[in-house]
Each structure stands twice: as structure tokens, then as C-alpha cells.
N, C-alpha and C. Protein backbone atom coordinates (compact mmCIF):
# COMPACT_ATOMS: atom_id res chain seq x y z
N MET A 1 6.05 100.16 34.03
CA MET A 1 7.40 100.18 33.48
C MET A 1 7.32 100.78 32.08
N ASN A 2 8.24 101.71 31.77
CA ASN A 2 8.20 102.32 30.45
C ASN A 2 8.76 101.38 29.39
N LYS A 3 8.43 101.66 28.14
CA LYS A 3 8.78 100.77 27.04
C LYS A 3 10.29 100.57 26.87
N PRO A 4 11.12 101.64 26.89
CA PRO A 4 12.56 101.41 26.75
C PRO A 4 13.13 100.53 27.87
N ARG A 5 12.66 100.73 29.09
CA ARG A 5 13.14 99.92 30.22
C ARG A 5 12.71 98.47 30.05
N PHE A 6 11.46 98.25 29.65
CA PHE A 6 10.99 96.89 29.41
C PHE A 6 11.80 96.23 28.30
N THR A 7 12.09 96.98 27.25
CA THR A 7 12.87 96.44 26.13
C THR A 7 14.27 96.04 26.60
N LEU A 8 14.89 96.87 27.43
CA LEU A 8 16.21 96.55 27.97
C LEU A 8 16.15 95.28 28.82
N LEU A 9 15.16 95.19 29.70
CA LEU A 9 15.03 94.00 30.54
C LEU A 9 14.79 92.75 29.70
N ALA A 10 13.90 92.84 28.74
CA ALA A 10 13.60 91.68 27.88
C ALA A 10 14.83 91.27 27.08
N ALA A 11 15.55 92.24 26.54
CA ALA A 11 16.76 91.93 25.77
C ALA A 11 17.82 91.28 26.65
N THR A 12 17.96 91.74 27.87
CA THR A 12 18.94 91.17 28.79
C THR A 12 18.56 89.74 29.16
N ILE A 13 17.28 89.50 29.41
CA ILE A 13 16.81 88.14 29.72
C ILE A 13 17.09 87.22 28.55
N LEU A 14 16.76 87.66 27.35
CA LEU A 14 17.00 86.82 26.17
C LEU A 14 18.48 86.59 25.94
N ALA A 15 19.31 87.60 26.17
CA ALA A 15 20.75 87.43 26.03
C ALA A 15 21.28 86.42 27.05
N ALA A 16 20.77 86.49 28.27
CA ALA A 16 21.19 85.53 29.30
C ALA A 16 20.81 84.11 28.89
N ALA A 17 19.59 83.94 28.42
CA ALA A 17 19.15 82.61 27.99
C ALA A 17 19.97 82.13 26.79
N ALA A 18 20.16 83.00 25.82
CA ALA A 18 20.91 82.63 24.61
C ALA A 18 22.35 82.27 24.94
N SER A 19 22.92 82.94 25.93
CA SER A 19 24.32 82.66 26.29
C SER A 19 24.53 81.23 26.74
N ARG A 20 23.50 80.62 27.27
CA ARG A 20 23.60 79.22 27.70
C ARG A 20 23.33 78.26 26.55
N LEU A 21 22.69 78.75 25.50
CA LEU A 21 22.31 77.87 24.39
C LEU A 21 23.36 77.80 23.30
N ILE A 22 24.17 78.84 23.16
CA ILE A 22 25.21 78.81 22.13
C ILE A 22 26.42 78.05 22.69
N PRO A 23 27.22 77.44 21.81
CA PRO A 23 28.39 76.69 22.30
C PRO A 23 29.34 77.59 23.10
N HIS A 24 29.80 77.07 24.21
CA HIS A 24 30.72 77.80 25.08
C HIS A 24 31.42 76.80 25.99
N PRO A 25 32.58 77.17 26.52
CA PRO A 25 33.21 76.30 27.51
C PRO A 25 32.28 76.14 28.71
N PRO A 26 32.30 74.99 29.37
CA PRO A 26 31.42 74.78 30.53
C PRO A 26 31.55 75.89 31.56
N ASN A 27 30.41 76.42 31.98
CA ASN A 27 30.29 77.46 33.01
C ASN A 27 30.86 78.82 32.59
N PHE A 28 31.21 79.01 31.34
CA PHE A 28 31.74 80.29 30.87
C PHE A 28 30.60 81.05 30.19
N THR A 29 29.70 81.59 31.01
CA THR A 29 28.55 82.34 30.50
C THR A 29 28.43 83.64 31.29
N PRO A 30 27.64 84.59 30.78
CA PRO A 30 27.50 85.87 31.49
C PRO A 30 26.39 85.88 32.54
N ILE A 31 25.81 84.74 32.88
CA ILE A 31 24.67 84.74 33.80
C ILE A 31 25.02 85.40 35.14
N ALA A 32 26.14 85.01 35.74
CA ALA A 32 26.50 85.60 37.04
C ALA A 32 26.81 87.09 36.89
N ALA A 33 27.47 87.46 35.80
CA ALA A 33 27.76 88.88 35.59
C ALA A 33 26.47 89.67 35.40
N ILE A 34 25.50 89.08 34.71
CA ILE A 34 24.20 89.74 34.55
C ILE A 34 23.52 89.88 35.91
N ALA A 35 23.63 88.85 36.74
CA ALA A 35 23.04 88.93 38.09
C ALA A 35 23.73 90.02 38.91
N LEU A 36 25.04 90.06 38.84
CA LEU A 36 25.81 91.08 39.56
C LEU A 36 25.48 92.48 39.03
N PHE A 37 25.48 92.62 37.72
CA PHE A 37 25.16 93.89 37.08
C PHE A 37 23.74 94.32 37.42
N GLY A 38 22.81 93.37 37.40
CA GLY A 38 21.42 93.69 37.72
C GLY A 38 21.29 94.26 39.12
N GLY A 39 21.96 93.62 40.08
CA GLY A 39 21.91 94.12 41.45
C GLY A 39 22.52 95.50 41.59
N ALA A 40 23.58 95.74 40.83
CA ALA A 40 24.28 97.02 40.93
C ALA A 40 23.61 98.14 40.15
N GLN A 41 22.92 97.80 39.06
CA GLN A 41 22.44 98.83 38.14
C GLN A 41 20.93 99.05 38.12
N PHE A 42 20.15 97.99 38.21
CA PHE A 42 18.70 98.17 38.11
C PHE A 42 18.17 98.87 39.35
N SER A 43 17.39 99.90 39.15
CA SER A 43 16.83 100.62 40.30
C SER A 43 15.80 99.75 41.02
N SER A 44 15.18 98.85 40.30
CA SER A 44 14.19 97.94 40.87
C SER A 44 14.85 96.64 41.32
N LYS A 45 14.73 96.34 42.60
CA LYS A 45 15.27 95.07 43.10
C LYS A 45 14.57 93.89 42.43
N ARG A 46 13.29 94.07 42.17
CA ARG A 46 12.52 93.00 41.51
C ARG A 46 13.13 92.69 40.14
N ALA A 47 13.45 93.71 39.37
CA ALA A 47 14.06 93.52 38.05
C ALA A 47 15.44 92.89 38.20
N ALA A 48 16.19 93.32 39.22
CA ALA A 48 17.53 92.77 39.43
C ALA A 48 17.49 91.26 39.63
N PHE A 49 16.51 90.77 40.36
CA PHE A 49 16.39 89.32 40.59
C PHE A 49 15.73 88.63 39.39
N LEU A 50 14.79 89.30 38.77
CA LEU A 50 14.04 88.69 37.67
C LEU A 50 14.91 88.39 36.46
N VAL A 51 15.77 89.31 36.07
CA VAL A 51 16.52 89.17 34.83
C VAL A 51 17.37 87.90 34.79
N PRO A 52 18.29 87.66 35.72
CA PRO A 52 19.10 86.44 35.60
C PRO A 52 18.29 85.17 35.82
N LEU A 53 17.33 85.21 36.74
CA LEU A 53 16.54 84.00 37.01
C LEU A 53 15.62 83.67 35.85
N ALA A 54 15.07 84.68 35.20
CA ALA A 54 14.24 84.44 34.01
C ALA A 54 15.09 83.91 32.87
N GLY A 55 16.30 84.43 32.71
CA GLY A 55 17.21 83.91 31.69
C GLY A 55 17.55 82.45 31.93
N LEU A 56 17.83 82.11 33.18
CA LEU A 56 18.07 80.71 33.53
C LEU A 56 16.85 79.85 33.23
N PHE A 57 15.70 80.33 33.65
CA PHE A 57 14.46 79.57 33.46
C PHE A 57 14.20 79.30 31.98
N LEU A 58 14.34 80.32 31.14
CA LEU A 58 14.11 80.13 29.71
C LEU A 58 15.06 79.09 29.12
N SER A 59 16.33 79.16 29.48
CA SER A 59 17.27 78.18 28.95
C SER A 59 17.04 76.80 29.56
N ASP A 60 16.58 76.74 30.80
CA ASP A 60 16.27 75.44 31.40
C ASP A 60 15.05 74.80 30.76
N LEU A 61 14.19 75.59 30.14
CA LEU A 61 13.08 75.01 29.38
C LEU A 61 13.62 74.18 28.22
N VAL A 62 14.78 74.56 27.69
CA VAL A 62 15.42 73.81 26.62
C VAL A 62 16.24 72.65 27.19
N PHE A 63 17.06 72.93 28.20
CA PHE A 63 17.95 71.92 28.77
C PHE A 63 17.24 70.93 29.67
N GLY A 64 16.17 71.38 30.29
CA GLY A 64 15.49 70.56 31.28
C GLY A 64 15.92 71.00 32.68
N PHE A 65 15.11 70.65 33.63
CA PHE A 65 15.39 70.99 35.01
C PHE A 65 16.06 69.79 35.68
N TYR A 66 16.71 70.00 36.78
CA TYR A 66 17.51 68.97 37.42
C TYR A 66 17.35 69.11 38.92
N ALA A 67 17.85 68.13 39.63
CA ALA A 67 17.61 68.07 41.08
C ALA A 67 18.14 69.29 41.83
N ILE A 68 19.25 69.85 41.38
CA ILE A 68 19.83 70.97 42.13
C ILE A 68 19.42 72.33 41.56
N THR A 69 18.40 72.37 40.72
CA THR A 69 17.94 73.64 40.16
C THR A 69 17.71 74.71 41.23
N PRO A 70 17.04 74.39 42.34
CA PRO A 70 16.84 75.44 43.36
C PRO A 70 18.16 75.98 43.93
N VAL A 71 19.16 75.12 44.04
CA VAL A 71 20.46 75.55 44.55
C VAL A 71 21.13 76.49 43.55
N VAL A 72 21.05 76.14 42.27
CA VAL A 72 21.63 76.98 41.22
C VAL A 72 20.96 78.36 41.21
N TYR A 73 19.64 78.36 41.23
CA TYR A 73 18.91 79.63 41.21
C TYR A 73 19.21 80.44 42.48
N GLY A 74 19.30 79.76 43.61
CA GLY A 74 19.65 80.44 44.86
C GLY A 74 21.03 81.06 44.82
N SER A 75 21.98 80.37 44.19
CA SER A 75 23.33 80.91 44.05
C SER A 75 23.33 82.20 43.24
N PHE A 76 22.55 82.21 42.17
CA PHE A 76 22.48 83.43 41.36
C PHE A 76 21.72 84.53 42.08
N ALA A 77 20.75 84.17 42.90
CA ALA A 77 20.06 85.18 43.72
C ALA A 77 21.04 85.82 44.70
N LEU A 78 21.94 85.01 45.26
CA LEU A 78 22.97 85.57 46.15
C LEU A 78 23.91 86.50 45.38
N THR A 79 24.16 86.18 44.12
CA THR A 79 24.99 87.05 43.29
C THR A 79 24.31 88.40 43.07
N VAL A 80 22.99 88.39 42.90
CA VAL A 80 22.26 89.67 42.81
C VAL A 80 22.48 90.46 44.10
N CYS A 81 22.46 89.78 45.25
CA CYS A 81 22.71 90.46 46.53
C CYS A 81 24.11 91.08 46.56
N LEU A 82 25.08 90.39 45.98
CA LEU A 82 26.43 90.98 45.87
C LEU A 82 26.38 92.25 45.02
N GLY A 83 25.58 92.23 43.97
CA GLY A 83 25.40 93.42 43.15
C GLY A 83 24.78 94.56 43.92
N LEU A 84 23.83 94.24 44.79
CA LEU A 84 23.22 95.28 45.64
C LEU A 84 24.28 95.89 46.55
N TRP A 85 25.21 95.08 47.01
CA TRP A 85 26.32 95.56 47.84
C TRP A 85 27.23 96.48 47.01
N VAL A 86 27.51 96.09 45.76
CA VAL A 86 28.34 96.92 44.88
C VAL A 86 27.68 98.28 44.66
N ARG A 87 26.36 98.28 44.56
CA ARG A 87 25.61 99.52 44.32
C ARG A 87 25.88 100.57 45.40
N LEU A 88 26.16 100.13 46.64
CA LEU A 88 26.38 101.06 47.74
C LEU A 88 27.56 101.99 47.48
N ARG A 89 28.60 101.47 46.85
CA ARG A 89 29.78 102.27 46.51
C ARG A 89 30.49 101.58 45.35
N ARG A 90 30.11 101.97 44.15
CA ARG A 90 30.66 101.34 42.95
C ARG A 90 32.15 101.67 42.82
N SER A 91 32.93 100.63 42.61
CA SER A 91 34.36 100.80 42.32
C SER A 91 34.82 99.55 41.57
N VAL A 92 35.91 99.70 40.86
CA VAL A 92 36.47 98.56 40.13
C VAL A 92 36.81 97.44 41.11
N GLN A 93 37.35 97.81 42.27
CA GLN A 93 37.73 96.80 43.26
C GLN A 93 36.51 96.03 43.77
N ARG A 94 35.44 96.74 44.05
CA ARG A 94 34.22 96.07 44.54
C ARG A 94 33.64 95.15 43.48
N ILE A 95 33.64 95.61 42.23
CA ILE A 95 33.11 94.78 41.15
C ILE A 95 33.95 93.53 41.00
N ALA A 96 35.28 93.68 41.01
CA ALA A 96 36.17 92.52 40.89
C ALA A 96 35.97 91.57 42.07
N PHE A 97 35.91 92.12 43.28
CA PHE A 97 35.69 91.27 44.46
C PHE A 97 34.36 90.53 44.34
N ALA A 98 33.31 91.23 43.93
CA ALA A 98 31.98 90.61 43.82
C ALA A 98 31.97 89.55 42.73
N ALA A 99 32.69 89.77 41.63
CA ALA A 99 32.76 88.76 40.56
C ALA A 99 33.44 87.50 41.07
N VAL A 100 34.53 87.66 41.80
CA VAL A 100 35.22 86.50 42.39
C VAL A 100 34.32 85.83 43.42
N ALA A 101 33.70 86.62 44.27
CA ALA A 101 32.82 86.07 45.31
C ALA A 101 31.65 85.31 44.69
N SER A 102 31.11 85.81 43.58
CA SER A 102 29.98 85.12 42.96
C SER A 102 30.40 83.75 42.45
N ALA A 103 31.59 83.65 41.89
CA ALA A 103 32.09 82.35 41.42
C ALA A 103 32.30 81.40 42.60
N VAL A 104 32.83 81.93 43.69
CA VAL A 104 33.05 81.10 44.89
C VAL A 104 31.71 80.64 45.47
N VAL A 105 30.75 81.55 45.59
CA VAL A 105 29.42 81.19 46.11
C VAL A 105 28.81 80.09 45.25
N PHE A 106 28.84 80.27 43.93
CA PHE A 106 28.27 79.27 43.03
C PHE A 106 28.98 77.93 43.21
N PHE A 107 30.30 77.94 43.25
CA PHE A 107 31.10 76.72 43.41
C PHE A 107 30.75 76.00 44.71
N VAL A 108 30.77 76.73 45.80
CA VAL A 108 30.53 76.12 47.12
C VAL A 108 29.11 75.56 47.22
N PHE A 109 28.12 76.37 46.87
CA PHE A 109 26.73 75.96 47.04
C PHE A 109 26.31 74.86 46.07
N THR A 110 26.63 75.03 44.79
CA THR A 110 26.14 74.05 43.82
C THR A 110 26.84 72.71 43.96
N ASN A 111 28.11 72.72 44.29
CA ASN A 111 28.79 71.44 44.44
C ASN A 111 28.39 70.74 45.73
N PHE A 112 28.10 71.51 46.76
CA PHE A 112 27.53 70.89 47.95
C PHE A 112 26.17 70.28 47.60
N GLY A 113 25.39 71.01 46.79
CA GLY A 113 24.10 70.49 46.34
C GLY A 113 24.23 69.21 45.53
N VAL A 114 25.20 69.17 44.63
CA VAL A 114 25.43 67.94 43.85
C VAL A 114 25.74 66.79 44.79
N TRP A 115 26.62 67.03 45.74
CA TRP A 115 27.00 65.97 46.68
C TRP A 115 25.81 65.54 47.54
N ALA A 116 25.05 66.50 48.05
CA ALA A 116 23.97 66.20 48.99
C ALA A 116 22.73 65.62 48.31
N ILE A 117 22.42 66.07 47.09
CA ILE A 117 21.15 65.71 46.45
C ILE A 117 21.30 64.57 45.46
N ASP A 118 22.32 64.65 44.61
CA ASP A 118 22.52 63.61 43.61
C ASP A 118 23.21 62.40 44.22
N ASN A 119 23.22 61.33 43.49
CA ASN A 119 23.88 60.11 43.97
C ASN A 119 25.20 59.87 43.25
N LEU A 120 25.86 60.91 42.81
CA LEU A 120 27.12 60.78 42.09
C LEU A 120 28.30 60.49 43.01
N TYR A 121 28.19 60.92 44.25
CA TYR A 121 29.29 60.78 45.21
C TYR A 121 28.76 60.18 46.50
N PRO A 122 29.61 59.38 47.18
CA PRO A 122 29.17 58.84 48.47
C PRO A 122 28.96 59.98 49.48
N LYS A 123 28.05 59.78 50.38
CA LYS A 123 27.73 60.80 51.39
C LYS A 123 28.71 60.71 52.55
N THR A 124 29.97 60.92 52.20
CA THR A 124 31.06 60.91 53.17
C THR A 124 31.90 62.17 52.95
N THR A 125 32.80 62.43 53.88
CA THR A 125 33.70 63.57 53.71
C THR A 125 34.54 63.38 52.45
N ALA A 126 35.00 62.16 52.21
CA ALA A 126 35.80 61.88 51.01
C ALA A 126 34.97 62.12 49.75
N GLY A 127 33.70 61.76 49.78
CA GLY A 127 32.82 62.00 48.64
C GLY A 127 32.63 63.49 48.38
N LEU A 128 32.49 64.26 49.45
CA LEU A 128 32.35 65.71 49.31
C LEU A 128 33.62 66.33 48.73
N VAL A 129 34.76 65.89 49.23
CA VAL A 129 36.04 66.38 48.70
C VAL A 129 36.18 66.01 47.23
N ASP A 130 35.83 64.77 46.88
CA ASP A 130 35.89 64.34 45.48
C ASP A 130 35.01 65.21 44.59
N CYS A 131 33.84 65.56 45.09
CA CYS A 131 32.91 66.40 44.34
C CYS A 131 33.53 67.78 44.07
N TYR A 132 34.10 68.38 45.09
CA TYR A 132 34.72 69.69 44.91
C TYR A 132 35.94 69.62 44.00
N VAL A 133 36.75 68.59 44.14
CA VAL A 133 37.94 68.45 43.28
C VAL A 133 37.52 68.29 41.82
N ALA A 134 36.50 67.48 41.57
CA ALA A 134 36.03 67.27 40.19
C ALA A 134 35.49 68.56 39.58
N ALA A 135 35.07 69.49 40.41
CA ALA A 135 34.46 70.72 39.92
C ALA A 135 35.46 71.85 39.67
N ILE A 136 36.71 71.65 40.01
CA ILE A 136 37.70 72.73 39.88
C ILE A 136 37.79 73.28 38.45
N PRO A 137 37.82 72.45 37.40
CA PRO A 137 37.87 73.03 36.05
C PRO A 137 36.65 73.91 35.73
N PHE A 138 35.49 73.54 36.24
CA PHE A 138 34.29 74.35 36.04
C PHE A 138 34.39 75.67 36.80
N PHE A 139 35.00 75.62 37.98
CA PHE A 139 35.20 76.84 38.77
C PHE A 139 36.11 77.81 38.02
N ARG A 140 37.19 77.29 37.47
CA ARG A 140 38.12 78.15 36.72
C ARG A 140 37.37 78.87 35.59
N ASN A 141 36.58 78.12 34.83
CA ASN A 141 35.83 78.73 33.73
C ASN A 141 34.83 79.77 34.24
N MET A 142 34.15 79.44 35.33
CA MET A 142 33.16 80.38 35.87
C MET A 142 33.85 81.65 36.34
N LEU A 143 34.95 81.50 37.05
CA LEU A 143 35.69 82.65 37.55
C LEU A 143 36.15 83.55 36.40
N LEU A 144 36.74 82.95 35.38
CA LEU A 144 37.20 83.74 34.24
C LEU A 144 36.02 84.40 33.51
N GLY A 145 34.94 83.66 33.33
CA GLY A 145 33.76 84.22 32.69
C GLY A 145 33.15 85.34 33.50
N ASP A 146 33.04 85.15 34.81
CA ASP A 146 32.47 86.19 35.67
C ASP A 146 33.31 87.47 35.61
N LEU A 147 34.63 87.31 35.66
CA LEU A 147 35.50 88.49 35.60
C LEU A 147 35.40 89.18 34.24
N LEU A 148 35.46 88.40 33.16
CA LEU A 148 35.40 88.98 31.83
C LEU A 148 34.06 89.67 31.57
N TYR A 149 32.98 88.95 31.80
CA TYR A 149 31.66 89.52 31.51
C TYR A 149 31.31 90.67 32.45
N SER A 150 31.77 90.60 33.70
CA SER A 150 31.53 91.73 34.62
C SER A 150 32.26 92.97 34.12
N ALA A 151 33.49 92.78 33.65
CA ALA A 151 34.25 93.92 33.12
C ALA A 151 33.57 94.48 31.87
N LEU A 152 33.10 93.60 30.99
CA LEU A 152 32.42 94.06 29.77
C LEU A 152 31.13 94.81 30.10
N LEU A 153 30.35 94.27 31.03
CA LEU A 153 29.11 94.96 31.41
C LEU A 153 29.41 96.29 32.09
N ARG A 154 30.44 96.32 32.91
CA ARG A 154 30.82 97.58 33.57
C ARG A 154 31.24 98.61 32.54
N CYS A 155 32.07 98.20 31.59
CA CYS A 155 32.52 99.13 30.55
C CYS A 155 31.36 99.62 29.69
N SER A 156 30.41 98.74 29.44
CA SER A 156 29.27 99.12 28.59
C SER A 156 28.32 100.06 29.32
N SER A 157 28.39 100.10 30.65
CA SER A 157 27.45 100.93 31.41
C SER A 157 28.03 102.30 31.77
N VAL A 158 29.28 102.53 31.45
CA VAL A 158 29.91 103.82 31.76
C VAL A 158 29.40 104.85 30.76
N HIS A 159 28.90 105.95 31.25
CA HIS A 159 28.44 107.01 30.35
C HIS A 159 29.34 108.20 30.48
């Protein structure tokens, strides 16, 4: 890997990690947008997956790891896959759809993980519904963050 490319990857990883460490509304970070952008822009699939997951890992070294960490990382890996889909035919509509889809994927998978793995909710249908209802404010923030940061990354990548 050449030095400018390595510098870009390292800077993006550090920016992803830092975005979780500075004060922000819950779930309003560029991690999903970086995952989406990585899938759409990095020529290396390995780099596309490495950047957001390494950013998460670095910030989790500060925050600590938790029971649903694999689910969270898996959700962001799926977002990279959405970025790979965007790469096939880049358009504003595809990017917007993928940003919304990434928020939905994260919401569905991580909240199911919270319900299934943690003991915060009873293991009943009502408990699962309660888990998803309690997560709606976080979904709103994630959706808005994903759309905003995806738009910013898209605008910054136009030459």
C-alpha cells in the first residue's frame, strides 16, 4: 500500500474512533457513513471492511466491550456490503437508500441482539417489542446521522 493511501486509511480510522469519543447525541456518529463510503469508494474490499471496524475497535478500547459487540460489528460489516452495492452504480438515490438501509439494519440487528443476549427485557414477544420501542429515539439519531454524514462524505469525494 502506498504512503498517501495508508495515510488516508489511518486518518479515516482515527476520525471514526474520535467521532465516538467526542460529545454527540446518542448514535449520531459517522461510523455507518464511513462504512458505506468505504464499501463504495475503497478499491480494496479489505480496506473497506477494516476502516469502520478498526475505528469501532479503537473507540471500544476506551468504552469497553459489551455482550452485543459482535452484533454491532456485524451490522457495520453489512453496511460495508451496502456500500459495495452502491459502487455498482453510484447515484444520489442509491446512496440515500443505502444510508437509510444501514440505519434500519443496525436498528433491527442490534436491538434484537440486546433483547436476545442481555437481560434487560423479558424473552417474550412483548419484551422484544418493548426493546424496539425503547430504541426508536436512537434510530432517529442514527438515521439522521447516516444521511448527513453520507451526504458530507459524498460531497467531499466529488472531484
